[in-house]
Amino acid sequence: MPWYNGDYPPAYKNQPEYLREKAVEIANALLKEGVEEGIAIATGLKRAREFFDEQE
C-alpha cells in the first residue's frame, strides 16, 4: 500500500517530519519495484537516515 499526503506507516510515527517524508518516498519507490511492504518500510527508514547522515 503506497503512502501519500501525511499517511505513513506506524513505524515512522516518532520520526522527524523531514526524515519521515524521505522514508515514505523511498518506501513507495521500493513498493513499485515489487518489494514486500515490511521490507520497504524498514529499508525506507534506513536509507532515509543514511541520506541525511551523508548530508552532514
N, C-alpha and C. Protein backbone atom coordinates (compact mmCIF):
# COMPACT_ATOMS: atom_id res chain seq x y z
N MET A 1 0.85 -1.18 0.00
CA MET A 1 0.00 0.00 0.00
C MET A 1 0.89 1.24 0.00
N PRO A 2 0.84 2.02 -1.04
CA PRO A 2 1.65 3.25 -1.05
C PRO A 2 1.11 4.28 -0.04
N TRP A 3 1.98 5.15 0.41
CA TRP A 3 1.62 6.17 1.39
C TRP A 3 1.72 7.55 0.77
N TYR A 4 0.75 8.41 1.05
CA TYR A 4 0.71 9.76 0.49
C TYR A 4 0.04 10.72 1.47
N ASN A 5 0.33 12.01 1.30
CA ASN A 5 -0.38 13.09 2.00
C ASN A 5 -0.53 12.89 3.51
N GLY A 6 0.58 12.68 4.18
CA GLY A 6 0.54 12.55 5.62
C GLY A 6 0.19 11.16 6.11
N ASP A 7 -0.12 10.26 5.20
CA ASP A 7 -0.37 8.88 5.57
C ASP A 7 0.97 8.16 5.54
N TYR A 8 1.34 7.52 6.62
CA TYR A 8 2.64 6.86 6.68
C TYR A 8 2.54 5.65 7.60
N PRO A 9 3.49 4.73 7.49
CA PRO A 9 3.47 3.54 8.36
C PRO A 9 3.63 3.92 9.83
N PRO A 10 3.04 3.15 10.73
CA PRO A 10 3.17 3.42 12.16
C PRO A 10 4.63 3.45 12.63
N ALA A 11 5.50 2.70 11.98
CA ALA A 11 6.91 2.67 12.37
C ALA A 11 7.57 4.04 12.19
N TYR A 12 6.98 4.90 11.38
CA TYR A 12 7.55 6.22 11.12
C TYR A 12 6.98 7.29 12.06
N LYS A 13 6.06 6.92 12.91
CA LYS A 13 5.31 7.85 13.75
C LYS A 13 6.19 8.82 14.54
N ASN A 14 7.24 8.34 15.17
CA ASN A 14 8.05 9.18 16.05
C ASN A 14 9.27 9.78 15.37
N GLN A 15 9.32 9.71 14.05
CA GLN A 15 10.45 10.25 13.31
C GLN A 15 10.20 11.73 12.99
N PRO A 16 11.26 12.52 12.86
CA PRO A 16 11.07 13.91 12.44
C PRO A 16 10.42 13.95 11.05
N GLU A 17 9.67 15.00 10.80
CA GLU A 17 8.90 15.09 9.55
C GLU A 17 9.78 14.97 8.31
N TYR A 18 10.95 15.64 8.31
CA TYR A 18 11.82 15.59 7.14
C TYR A 18 12.30 14.16 6.87
N LEU A 19 12.60 13.42 7.92
CA LEU A 19 13.06 12.04 7.78
C LEU A 19 11.91 11.15 7.33
N ARG A 20 10.75 11.35 7.92
CA ARG A 20 9.57 10.56 7.58
C ARG A 20 9.20 10.74 6.11
N GLU A 21 9.24 11.97 5.61
CA GLU A 21 8.89 12.22 4.22
C GLU A 21 9.86 11.53 3.26
N LYS A 22 11.14 11.57 3.58
CA LYS A 22 12.14 10.91 2.73
C LYS A 22 11.96 9.40 2.79
N ALA A 23 11.69 8.86 3.98
CA ALA A 23 11.49 7.42 4.14
C ALA A 23 10.27 6.95 3.35
N VAL A 24 9.20 7.73 3.37
CA VAL A 24 8.00 7.38 2.61
C VAL A 24 8.31 7.39 1.11
N GLU A 25 9.04 8.39 0.67
CA GLU A 25 9.43 8.47 -0.75
C GLU A 25 10.20 7.21 -1.17
N ILE A 26 11.16 6.82 -0.36
CA ILE A 26 11.98 5.65 -0.66
C ILE A 26 11.13 4.38 -0.60
N ALA A 27 10.32 4.23 0.44
CA ALA A 27 9.49 3.04 0.60
C ALA A 27 8.51 2.89 -0.56
N ASN A 28 7.91 3.99 -1.00
CA ASN A 28 6.99 3.94 -2.14
C ASN A 28 7.70 3.48 -3.41
N ALA A 29 8.92 3.95 -3.61
CA ALA A 29 9.70 3.53 -4.78
C ALA A 29 9.99 2.03 -4.71
N LEU A 30 10.30 1.55 -3.53
CA LEU A 30 10.56 0.12 -3.36
C LEU A 30 9.31 -0.71 -3.62
N LEU A 31 8.16 -0.22 -3.17
CA LEU A 31 6.91 -0.94 -3.42
C LEU A 31 6.64 -1.06 -4.92
N LYS A 32 6.92 0.00 -5.66
CA LYS A 32 6.73 -0.04 -7.11
C LYS A 32 7.62 -1.09 -7.76
N GLU A 33 8.77 -1.36 -7.14
CA GLU A 33 9.70 -2.37 -7.66
C GLU A 33 9.29 -3.78 -7.25
N GLY A 34 8.25 -3.90 -6.41
CA GLY A 34 7.76 -5.21 -6.02
C GLY A 34 8.30 -5.73 -4.70
N VAL A 35 8.94 -4.87 -3.93
CA VAL A 35 9.46 -5.27 -2.62
C VAL A 35 8.28 -5.40 -1.65
N GLU A 36 8.36 -6.37 -0.74
CA GLU A 36 7.31 -6.56 0.26
C GLU A 36 7.17 -5.32 1.13
N GLU A 37 5.96 -5.08 1.62
CA GLU A 37 5.68 -3.87 2.39
C GLU A 37 6.57 -3.74 3.63
N GLY A 38 6.72 -4.80 4.41
CA GLY A 38 7.53 -4.73 5.62
C GLY A 38 8.99 -4.40 5.33
N ILE A 39 9.51 -4.98 4.27
CA ILE A 39 10.90 -4.72 3.87
C ILE A 39 11.02 -3.28 3.38
N ALA A 40 10.03 -2.83 2.62
CA ALA A 40 10.06 -1.46 2.09
C ALA A 40 10.04 -0.44 3.23
N ILE A 41 9.26 -0.69 4.26
CA ILE A 41 9.18 0.22 5.40
C ILE A 41 10.52 0.32 6.10
N ALA A 42 11.10 -0.83 6.42
CA ALA A 42 12.38 -0.85 7.14
C ALA A 42 13.50 -0.26 6.29
N THR A 43 13.55 -0.62 5.03
CA THR A 43 14.60 -0.13 4.14
C THR A 43 14.44 1.37 3.90
N GLY A 44 13.21 1.83 3.75
CA GLY A 44 12.97 3.26 3.55
C GLY A 44 13.51 4.08 4.70
N LEU A 45 13.26 3.63 5.91
CA LEU A 45 13.73 4.36 7.09
C LEU A 45 15.25 4.32 7.17
N LYS A 46 15.82 3.17 6.94
CA LYS A 46 17.28 3.03 7.00
C LYS A 46 17.96 3.92 5.96
N ARG A 47 17.47 3.88 4.73
CA ARG A 47 18.09 4.68 3.67
C ARG A 47 17.88 6.18 3.88
N ALA A 48 16.74 6.56 4.44
CA ALA A 48 16.50 7.97 4.73
C ALA A 48 17.49 8.47 5.79
N ARG A 49 17.72 7.65 6.81
CA ARG A 49 18.71 8.03 7.83
C ARG A 49 20.10 8.17 7.21
N GLU A 50 20.46 7.22 6.36
CA GLU A 50 21.75 7.27 5.68
C GLU A 50 21.86 8.53 4.81
N PHE A 51 20.79 8.86 4.12
CA PHE A 51 20.77 10.05 3.25
C PHE A 51 21.08 11.30 4.06
N PHE A 52 20.42 11.46 5.20
CA PHE A 52 20.63 12.66 6.00
C PHE A 52 21.96 12.64 6.76
N ASP A 53 22.45 11.45 7.10
CA ASP A 53 23.78 11.36 7.73
C ASP A 53 24.85 11.82 6.76
N GLU A 54 24.69 11.51 5.48
CA GLU A 54 25.66 11.92 4.46
C GLU A 54 25.61 13.42 4.21
N GLN A 55 24.47 14.05 4.51
CA GLN A 55 24.31 15.48 4.28
C GLN A 55 25.09 16.32 5.29
N GLU A 56 25.41 15.72 6.42
CA GLU A 56 26.07 16.49 7.50
C GLU A 56 27.51 16.74 7.22
